[in-house]
Protein backbone atom coordinates (compact mmCIF):
# COMPACT_ATOMS: atom_id res chain seq x y z
CA MET A 1 227.78 -63.49 48.30
CA LYS A 2 224.23 -62.24 48.89
CA LYS A 3 223.05 -65.76 49.89
CA VAL A 4 225.87 -66.11 52.41
CA PHE A 5 225.00 -62.69 53.92
CA LEU A 6 221.30 -63.61 54.25
CA LEU A 7 222.19 -66.97 55.84
CA VAL A 8 224.36 -65.26 58.49
CA LEU A 9 221.61 -62.72 59.16
CA CYS A 10 219.01 -65.48 59.68
CA CYS A 11 221.27 -67.28 62.16
CA PHE A 12 221.74 -64.12 64.17
CA ALA A 13 217.94 -63.55 64.13
CA VAL A 14 217.33 -67.01 65.66
CA ILE A 15 219.89 -66.24 68.37
CA ALA A 16 218.21 -62.87 69.06
CA ILE A 17 214.73 -64.38 69.38
CA ASN A 18 215.92 -66.96 71.93
CA ALA A 19 218.32 -64.68 73.81
CA GLN A 20 217.92 -64.58 77.57
CA GLU A 21 219.76 -61.31 78.07
CA VAL A 22 219.12 -58.23 80.11
CA ILE A 23 216.88 -55.50 78.67
CA LYS A 24 218.43 -52.06 78.25
CA GLU A 25 216.78 -48.74 78.93
CA ARG A 26 218.58 -46.45 76.46
CA THR A 27 219.05 -42.74 75.87
CA VAL A 28 219.36 -40.82 72.58
CA SER A 29 222.77 -41.38 71.01
CA GLY A 30 224.61 -40.43 67.84
CA GLY A 31 227.92 -40.26 66.04
CA LEU A 32 229.84 -40.99 62.82
CA LEU A 33 229.95 -44.01 60.52
CA GLY A 34 231.98 -45.25 57.57
CA ALA A 35 231.55 -48.30 55.36
CA VAL A 36 232.82 -50.23 52.34
CA ASN A 37 230.27 -50.95 49.60
CA PHE A 38 230.21 -54.08 47.40
CA THR A 39 227.93 -52.97 44.61
CA LYS A 40 226.57 -54.08 41.27
CA PHE A 41 223.58 -53.55 39.01
CA LYS A 42 221.09 -56.39 38.59
CA ALA A 43 219.93 -56.07 34.98
CA GLY A 44 216.54 -57.56 34.25
CA GLY A 45 213.28 -57.03 32.47
CA THR A 46 212.25 -57.99 28.94
CA GLY A 47 215.29 -56.42 27.26
CA ALA A 48 218.08 -57.42 29.62
CA SER A 49 219.75 -59.98 27.25
CA ASN A 50 221.74 -61.53 30.11
CA ILE A 51 223.72 -58.36 30.95
CA GLU A 52 226.05 -59.17 33.84
CA TYR A 53 227.69 -56.64 36.17
CA ASN A 54 230.73 -57.35 38.31
CA THR A 55 230.78 -56.64 42.04
CA GLU A 56 232.78 -53.45 42.61
CA THR A 57 233.86 -51.67 45.79
CA GLY A 58 232.96 -48.18 46.90
CA TRP A 59 232.60 -46.30 50.16
CA SER A 60 230.12 -44.43 52.37
CA ALA A 61 230.51 -42.02 55.27
CA GLY A 62 228.08 -39.98 57.33
CA LEU A 63 226.20 -39.37 60.57
CA TRP A 64 223.70 -41.37 62.61
CA VAL A 65 221.41 -40.76 65.55
CA GLY A 66 219.44 -43.29 67.59
CA PHE A 67 216.09 -42.67 69.33
CA PRO A 68 215.10 -45.38 71.84
CA LEU A 69 211.59 -46.83 71.45
CA GLY A 70 211.12 -48.73 74.69
CA SER A 71 213.61 -51.26 76.00
CA ARG A 72 214.15 -53.42 72.89
CA PHE A 73 213.85 -51.12 69.88
CA THR A 74 215.64 -48.04 68.54
CA PHE A 75 214.74 -45.86 65.57
CA GLU A 76 217.99 -44.88 63.85
CA PRO A 77 217.98 -42.48 60.86
CA GLN A 78 221.28 -41.93 59.06
CA ILE A 79 222.59 -39.61 56.38
CA MET A 80 225.59 -40.59 54.29
CA PHE A 81 227.54 -39.64 51.23
CA SER A 82 227.84 -42.88 49.24
CA SER A 83 229.95 -43.79 46.23
CA TYR A 84 228.73 -46.90 44.35
CA SER A 85 230.99 -48.35 41.63
CA TYR A 86 229.57 -50.27 38.64
CA GLN A 87 231.40 -52.29 35.95
CA THR A 88 230.36 -54.67 33.19
CA ASP A 89 232.27 -56.39 30.41
CA ASP A 90 229.17 -56.45 28.24
CA THR A 91 229.64 -54.53 24.98
CA GLU A 92 225.98 -53.72 24.46
CA PRO A 93 224.54 -50.30 25.47
CA VAL A 94 224.14 -50.22 29.24
CA LEU A 95 223.26 -47.63 31.87
CA VAL A 96 226.83 -47.41 33.28
CA ARG A 97 229.73 -49.39 31.82
CA ASP A 98 232.70 -48.60 34.05
CA GLY A 99 232.22 -45.79 36.53
CA GLU A 100 230.63 -44.66 39.74
CA ILE A 101 227.49 -42.92 40.95
CA SER A 102 227.53 -40.68 44.01
CA TYR A 103 224.48 -40.46 46.24
CA ILE A 104 223.19 -38.79 49.34
CA SER A 105 221.79 -41.85 51.15
CA VAL A 106 219.20 -41.72 53.93
CA PRO A 107 218.57 -45.09 55.64
CA LEU A 108 215.69 -45.10 58.15
CA GLN A 109 216.35 -48.17 60.31
CA LEU A 110 214.45 -49.91 63.08
CA LYS A 111 216.89 -51.73 65.36
CA LEU A 112 215.94 -54.76 67.50
CA HIS A 113 218.37 -55.22 70.41
CA ALA A 114 219.13 -58.82 71.35
CA GLY A 115 221.29 -58.06 74.35
CA ASP A 116 224.56 -56.17 74.65
CA LYS A 117 226.43 -57.67 71.73
CA PHE A 118 224.00 -57.96 68.85
CA ALA A 119 221.14 -56.13 67.12
CA ILE A 120 219.11 -56.67 63.95
CA THR A 121 218.34 -53.72 61.67
CA ALA A 122 215.79 -53.22 58.88
CA GLY A 123 214.03 -50.40 57.06
CA PRO A 124 213.86 -48.34 53.87
CA GLN A 125 216.70 -46.34 52.32
CA PHE A 126 216.31 -43.32 50.05
CA ASP A 127 219.14 -42.43 47.65
CA PHE A 128 219.49 -39.11 45.80
CA VAL A 129 221.94 -38.94 42.87
CA THR A 130 224.54 -36.17 43.14
CA SER A 131 226.96 -37.09 40.32
CA LEU A 132 227.81 -39.71 37.68
CA GLU A 133 231.22 -40.61 36.27
CA ASP A 134 231.44 -43.22 33.49
CA ASP A 135 235.02 -43.71 32.24
CA ILE A 136 234.10 -45.69 29.11
CA ASN A 137 230.49 -45.06 28.23
CA THR A 138 230.95 -41.29 27.83
CA GLY A 139 227.68 -40.83 25.89
CA VAL A 140 225.57 -41.53 28.96
CA GLU A 141 224.51 -38.36 30.80
CA LYS A 142 223.34 -37.92 34.37
CA GLU A 143 219.81 -37.39 33.03
CA HIS A 144 219.69 -41.07 31.99
CA LEU A 145 219.47 -42.04 35.67
CA LYS A 146 216.49 -41.87 37.98
CA GLN A 147 217.55 -39.14 40.40
CA THR A 148 215.81 -40.70 43.40
CA SER A 149 215.66 -44.38 44.31
CA VAL A 150 214.33 -46.54 47.13
CA SER A 151 215.82 -49.70 48.63
CA LEU A 152 214.96 -52.15 51.37
CA VAL A 153 217.79 -52.62 53.88
CA GLY A 154 218.33 -55.46 56.35
CA GLY A 155 221.36 -56.23 58.46
CA PHE A 156 222.95 -56.58 61.87
CA GLU A 157 225.17 -54.71 64.29
CA LEU A 158 227.79 -56.15 66.63
CA PHE A 159 228.45 -54.56 70.02
CA PRO A 160 225.82 -51.84 69.52
CA GLN A 161 226.34 -50.51 73.04
CA ASN A 162 230.10 -49.99 72.65
CA ARG A 163 231.74 -46.76 71.62
CA LEU A 164 232.91 -48.53 68.42
CA SER A 165 230.62 -51.08 66.76
CA PHE A 166 230.62 -53.11 63.53
CA PHE A 167 227.68 -53.40 61.16
CA GLY A 168 226.77 -55.21 57.97
CA ARG A 169 223.68 -54.91 55.81
CA TYR A 170 222.24 -55.83 52.45
CA MET A 171 220.45 -53.22 50.28
CA HIS A 172 217.93 -54.43 47.74
CA GLY A 173 217.04 -51.70 45.26
CA LEU A 174 213.35 -51.35 44.35
CA THR A 175 213.71 -48.54 41.79
CA ASN A 176 214.54 -49.08 38.12
CA MET A 177 217.41 -46.63 37.58
CA ASN A 178 216.91 -46.69 33.79
CA ALA A 179 215.27 -43.33 33.04
CA VAL A 180 215.47 -43.33 29.20
CA ASN A 181 215.18 -47.02 28.22
CA ILE A 182 218.88 -47.69 27.70
CA HIS A 183 219.27 -51.05 25.92
CA GLY A 184 215.67 -50.95 24.76
CA THR A 185 212.23 -50.75 26.26
CA GLY A 186 211.74 -52.90 29.33
CA THR A 187 215.36 -53.17 30.51
CA GLU A 188 215.68 -52.60 34.23
CA PHE A 189 218.79 -51.76 36.26
CA MET A 190 218.33 -52.39 39.99
CA THR A 191 221.05 -51.63 42.55
CA ARG A 192 222.28 -54.45 44.79
CA ASN A 193 224.74 -53.58 47.55
CA ILE A 194 226.34 -55.25 50.54
CA GLN A 195 227.78 -52.80 53.05
CA ALA A 196 230.18 -53.41 55.92
CA GLY A 197 231.42 -50.70 58.21
CA LEU A 198 232.11 -49.16 61.61
CA LYS A 199 230.10 -46.77 63.78
CA LEU A 200 231.69 -44.37 66.27
CA LYS A 201 229.44 -43.19 69.11
CA LEU A 202 230.07 -39.54 70.05
CA PHE A 203 227.27 -38.99 72.59
CA GLY A 204 224.44 -40.70 74.46
CA GLY A 205 223.74 -44.37 74.68
CA LYS A 206 223.74 -44.52 78.49
CA VAL A 207 221.89 -47.66 79.59
CA THR A 208 220.40 -49.07 82.74
CA GLU A 209 219.63 -52.73 83.14
CA ARG A 210 216.61 -54.61 84.36
CA ALA A 211 216.05 -58.35 84.43
CA TYR A 212 214.62 -59.89 81.29
CA GLN A 213 211.97 -62.63 81.68
CA ALA A 214 212.72 -62.84 85.39
CA ALA A 215 209.93 -63.41 87.89
CA PRO A 216 208.94 -60.14 89.54
CA THR A 217 210.36 -59.73 93.05
CA PRO A 218 208.12 -58.13 95.64
CA LEU A 219 209.48 -54.68 96.38
CA PRO A 220 209.18 -52.70 99.58
CA PRO A 221 206.66 -49.85 99.53
CA VAL A 222 207.90 -46.95 97.41
CA ASP A 223 207.56 -43.27 98.23
CA THR A 224 208.58 -41.59 94.98
CA ASP A 225 208.05 -38.01 96.09
CA GLY A 226 209.47 -38.53 99.61
CA ASP A 227 206.47 -37.04 101.40
CA GLY A 228 206.14 -39.95 103.86
CA ILE A 229 203.12 -41.44 102.08
CA THR A 230 203.82 -44.59 100.06
CA ASP A 231 202.85 -44.62 96.39
CA ASP A 232 200.12 -47.22 96.92
CA MET A 233 198.33 -44.74 99.21
CA ASP A 234 199.50 -41.53 97.53
CA LYS A 235 197.04 -40.00 95.04
CA CYS A 236 199.82 -37.68 93.85
CA PRO A 237 202.89 -39.95 93.94
CA ASN A 238 205.09 -37.50 92.02
CA GLU A 239 204.23 -34.42 94.09
CA LYS A 240 204.93 -33.90 97.75
CA GLY A 241 201.75 -33.55 99.74
CA THR A 242 200.11 -34.10 103.10
CA ALA A 243 198.16 -36.96 104.64
CA LYS A 244 195.14 -34.66 104.94
CA TYR A 245 194.98 -34.47 101.14
CA ASN A 246 195.94 -38.14 100.51
CA GLY A 247 199.50 -37.29 99.52
CA CYS A 248 198.57 -34.37 97.26
CA PRO A 249 199.70 -30.78 97.82
CA ILE A 250 197.38 -28.37 99.62
CA PRO A 251 195.02 -27.28 96.82
CA ASP A 252 194.87 -23.85 95.23
CA THR A 253 191.36 -23.89 93.76
CA ASP A 254 191.52 -20.50 92.06
CA GLY A 255 195.14 -20.92 90.85
CA ASP A 256 196.37 -17.65 92.33
CA GLY A 257 199.42 -19.19 94.01
CA ILE A 258 197.92 -19.00 97.51
CA ASN A 259 196.82 -22.36 98.88
CA ASP A 260 193.25 -22.71 100.03
CA GLU A 261 194.18 -22.99 103.72
CA LEU A 262 195.59 -19.45 103.63
CA ASP A 263 193.26 -18.04 100.94
CA LYS A 264 190.32 -16.03 102.29
CA CYS A 265 188.79 -16.07 98.79
CA PRO A 266 189.61 -19.62 97.58
CA ASN A 267 187.31 -19.39 94.56
CA GLU A 268 188.54 -16.00 93.30
CA LYS A 269 192.04 -15.19 92.12
CA GLY A 270 193.70 -12.66 94.37
CA THR A 271 197.00 -11.50 95.79
CA ALA A 272 199.00 -12.29 98.91
CA LYS A 273 198.59 -8.65 100.02
CA TYR A 274 194.84 -9.21 100.31
CA ASN A 275 195.12 -12.79 101.69
CA GLY A 276 194.17 -14.37 98.39
CA CYS A 277 191.27 -12.03 97.65
CA PRO A 278 191.12 -9.75 94.58
CA ILE A 279 192.23 -6.14 94.90
CA PRO A 280 189.09 -4.35 96.22
CA ASP A 281 186.97 -1.86 94.29
CA SER A 282 185.39 0.17 97.05
CA ASP A 283 183.24 2.41 94.82
CA GLY A 284 182.23 -0.41 92.45
CA ASP A 285 183.24 1.44 89.30
CA GLY A 286 185.25 -1.49 87.89
CA ILE A 287 188.62 0.09 88.72
CA ASN A 288 190.45 -1.50 91.62
CA ASP A 289 191.45 0.73 94.52
CA GLU A 290 195.18 0.49 93.75
CA LEU A 291 194.59 2.14 90.35
CA ASP A 292 191.60 4.33 91.34
CA LYS A 293 192.54 7.92 92.10
CA CYS A 294 189.07 8.41 93.62
CA PRO A 295 188.50 5.03 95.34
CA THR A 296 185.35 6.20 97.19
CA GLN A 297 183.72 7.90 94.19
CA ALA A 298 182.66 5.98 91.07
CA GLY A 299 184.19 7.22 87.86
CA PRO A 300 185.23 6.00 84.38
CA ALA A 301 188.60 4.49 83.48
CA ASN A 302 189.57 7.41 81.24
CA ARG A 303 189.46 9.62 84.35
CA ASN A 304 191.41 7.10 86.49
CA GLY A 305 188.28 6.21 88.45
CA CYS A 306 187.29 9.79 89.34
CA PRO A 307 183.81 11.13 88.51
CA ILE A 308 183.23 13.36 85.52
CA THR A 309 183.19 17.04 86.58
CA ASP A 310 181.00 19.97 85.57
CA ARG A 311 182.96 23.06 86.58
CA ASP A 312 180.39 25.60 85.34
CA ASN A 313 177.39 23.62 86.71
CA ASP A 314 175.46 23.89 83.46
CA GLY A 315 174.50 20.20 83.44
CA ILE A 316 177.01 19.35 80.72
CA ASP A 317 180.08 17.42 81.89
CA ASP A 318 183.47 18.92 81.20
CA GLU A 319 184.43 16.18 78.70
CA LYS A 320 181.62 17.29 76.36
CA ASP A 321 181.50 20.97 77.35
CA LYS A 322 183.26 23.21 74.83
CA CYS A 323 183.04 26.04 77.37
CA PRO A 324 183.69 24.17 80.65
CA ASP A 325 184.20 27.38 82.65
CA VAL A 326 181.19 29.30 81.26
CA ALA A 327 177.65 28.05 81.78
CA GLY A 328 175.88 27.34 78.53
CA THR A 329 173.27 25.17 76.84
CA ALA A 330 173.33 21.63 75.50
CA ALA A 331 172.21 22.91 72.12
CA ASN A 332 175.35 25.03 71.96
CA ASN A 333 177.68 22.25 73.30
CA GLY A 334 177.87 23.82 76.75
CA CYS A 335 178.62 27.34 75.53
CA PRO A 336 176.30 30.33 76.02
CA GLU A 337 174.20 31.52 73.11
CA VAL A 338 175.94 34.31 71.23
CA PRO A 339 173.95 37.52 71.73
CA ALA A 340 171.89 38.30 68.64
CA GLU A 341 173.09 41.91 68.56
CA VAL A 342 176.72 40.72 68.48
CA THR A 343 176.07 38.39 65.57
CA LYS A 344 174.18 41.14 63.75
CA MET A 345 176.92 43.72 64.30
CA LEU A 346 179.68 41.37 63.08
CA SER A 347 177.69 40.43 59.98
CA SER A 348 177.20 44.13 59.25
CA SER A 349 180.92 44.85 59.75
CA ALA A 350 181.93 41.98 57.49
CA ARG A 351 179.89 43.38 54.58
CA ASN A 352 182.30 46.33 54.42
CA LEU A 353 185.38 44.05 54.16
CA THR A 354 185.82 43.59 50.39
CA PHE A 355 188.99 43.45 48.31
CA THR A 356 190.21 44.39 44.88
CA THR A 357 191.05 41.56 42.46
CA SER A 358 194.01 39.38 43.60
CA SER A 359 194.64 41.65 46.61
CA ALA A 360 194.64 40.88 50.32
CA LYS A 361 195.13 44.50 51.38
CA LEU A 362 192.45 46.07 53.58
CA SER A 363 191.03 49.39 52.43
CA THR A 364 191.11 52.34 54.82
CA THR A 365 187.30 52.27 54.90
CA ALA A 366 187.51 48.86 56.59
CA ASN A 367 189.04 50.33 59.76
CA THR A 368 185.74 51.69 61.04
CA SER A 369 184.05 48.28 60.78
CA LEU A 370 186.99 46.48 62.32
CA ASN A 371 187.16 48.92 65.21
CA GLN A 372 183.55 47.94 65.98
CA VAL A 373 184.67 44.31 66.06
CA VAL A 374 187.49 45.21 68.45
CA LYS A 375 185.00 46.95 70.72
CA VAL A 376 182.67 43.94 70.81
CA LEU A 377 185.51 41.51 71.57
CA ASN A 378 186.82 43.74 74.37
CA GLU A 379 183.32 43.96 75.88
CA ASN A 380 182.92 40.17 75.67
CA PRO A 381 186.29 38.71 76.72
CA THR A 382 185.00 35.09 76.57
CA LEU A 383 184.10 35.37 72.87
CA LYS A 384 186.32 34.12 70.08
CA VAL A 385 186.08 34.99 66.41
CA LYS A 386 186.62 32.86 63.31
CA ILE A 387 187.65 34.79 60.18
CA GLU A 388 186.82 33.05 56.88
CA GLY A 389 188.38 34.35 53.65
CA HIS A 390 186.87 33.97 50.12
CA THR A 391 187.69 34.81 46.48
CA ASP A 392 185.82 35.11 43.20
CA ASN A 393 186.13 32.37 40.59
CA VAL A 394 188.87 33.94 38.45
CA GLU A 395 191.51 34.82 41.03
CA LYS A 396 194.62 32.65 40.97
CA ASN A 397 195.92 30.70 44.00
CA ALA A 398 192.42 31.13 45.44
CA GLU A 399 192.94 29.12 48.61
CA THR A 400 196.19 30.90 49.56
CA LEU A 401 194.72 34.32 48.64
CA SER A 402 191.55 33.73 50.68
CA GLU A 403 193.62 32.74 53.73
CA SER A 404 195.79 35.85 53.27
CA ARG A 405 192.64 38.02 53.33
CA ALA A 406 191.56 36.37 56.60
CA ASN A 407 195.06 36.87 58.05
CA ALA A 408 194.95 40.58 57.08
CA VAL A 409 191.89 41.02 59.30
CA LYS A 410 193.56 38.99 62.09
CA THR A 411 196.64 41.21 61.90
CA TYR A 412 194.49 44.31 62.31
CA LEU A 413 192.64 42.87 65.33
CA THR A 414 195.82 41.76 67.11
CA SER A 415 197.34 45.19 66.44
CA ARG A 416 194.42 46.60 68.44
CA GLY A 417 195.11 44.34 71.43
CA ILE A 418 192.97 41.28 70.71
CA SER A 419 194.83 38.11 71.75
CA ALA A 420 195.79 35.89 68.81
CA ASP A 421 194.56 32.78 70.63
CA ARG A 422 191.01 34.18 70.37
CA ILE A 423 191.21 34.33 66.58
CA GLU A 424 190.97 31.45 64.08
CA VAL A 425 191.46 31.90 60.33
CA GLU A 426 190.56 29.69 57.38
CA GLY A 427 190.61 30.20 53.62
CA PHE A 428 187.88 28.70 51.42
CA GLY A 429 189.02 30.01 48.02
CA SER A 430 186.15 30.34 45.55
CA THR A 431 184.17 27.36 46.89
CA MET A 432 181.49 29.36 48.77
CA PRO A 433 180.24 32.25 46.58
CA ILE A 434 177.37 34.44 47.85
CA ALA A 435 176.75 36.18 44.53
CA ASP A 436 176.82 35.51 40.78
CA ASN A 437 180.44 35.24 39.60
CA ASN A 438 179.29 36.02 36.04
CA THR A 439 178.87 39.72 36.91
CA ALA A 440 181.40 42.28 38.12
CA ALA A 441 179.18 43.16 41.08
CA GLY A 442 178.89 39.49 42.03
CA LYS A 443 182.65 39.02 41.86
CA THR A 444 183.14 42.08 44.12
CA ARG A 445 180.80 40.62 46.75
CA ASN A 446 182.56 37.25 46.61
CA ARG A 447 185.97 38.85 47.33
CA ARG A 448 185.25 39.07 51.03
CA VAL A 449 185.80 37.87 54.59
CA GLU A 450 183.12 36.64 57.01
CA LEU A 451 183.26 36.88 60.81
CA LYS A 452 181.75 34.17 63.03
CA VAL A 453 181.67 34.40 66.81
CA THR A 454 182.29 31.33 68.98
CA TYR A 455 183.22 30.56 72.55
């Protein structure tokens, strides 16, 4: 049966080589296929002992898609579910005695078109085992089979351009399916299969014809893009253009969408609003006028193109000046120097602000010192004060307690009319002692608040 199939295929090949048909320009196509399989194992190798398999029928079904490769060839991958039946009357141990193997089959075919009615196909096929049923030889498991196999496939197709076409092909297995040396070392089981079936085209396959092996006929001048300039003179035959530019469009050198004939800045990208020129930057600060809030004064981007200001005219710009409305010095970050007598008075007042152990309550003797602080702050309305609280090294919850001591002073100051936004508090716990915590006197000094004046 295999020899008859190969003889028919050779005859069709001779016809295809000598065919004087029209050549087809094809599109991508695809659809369904179904086939009948005539399958058997070819047992060989050193341990075959003349095992003979019968030819059994099975079936295949799946999908196909064709990709044209020029006018004569098509690449056609397929994917099918295939059932191959195997049967032998031999009583010796064999790979499959009377059953079937199911595969996912993937043929990758190259098709040579020999006109409308006939094509030759060839290529590899990859088969992946999905199941095994052996009605008699029940001891054989799926693991005895090679799970992946490769075959060479050759065949033909009748009426390949029709919606329904017929195909036949022969599959010659190259993989020994014997995975565990059934029937002894060296025995090989190779699949042989002849397949005949039908293909149903569901989409694509539109063709146009051109003469095959016909002498070229002189054609009238062609103007592909319809711009009035024939292709033999047109340097841009697929784009409408003008005679001035040899059939090419008017150029746009800078690629800004404005052609050079209308672009006043043909080498710089611009906008139609400015006749192809970039948006101007009148003050040269790198921020174009449409985004610059001060287009005639240079300024940085973070100020929207406006210059940095110095409201108090102390030579320190407002972005770096911590006191932008009060003239100061660079050494003091734009703030005035704190008067020495103020610093001295606050330090003196703070020395009288001590606390008993684990207490944040101010003593009545502290009022006199704090009233002095109130006086200074009222006399210097631009000053701010930072109150820092501290503890000795044995007080519990030191950080919370130290902050409470600072807040006690803040409460007193605000009760005397000092705005809360002029006061900052922070607790440092026992981290900054000023005296020896190993003595009672040292601990007393460390339970304190300190006052620092800022702007």
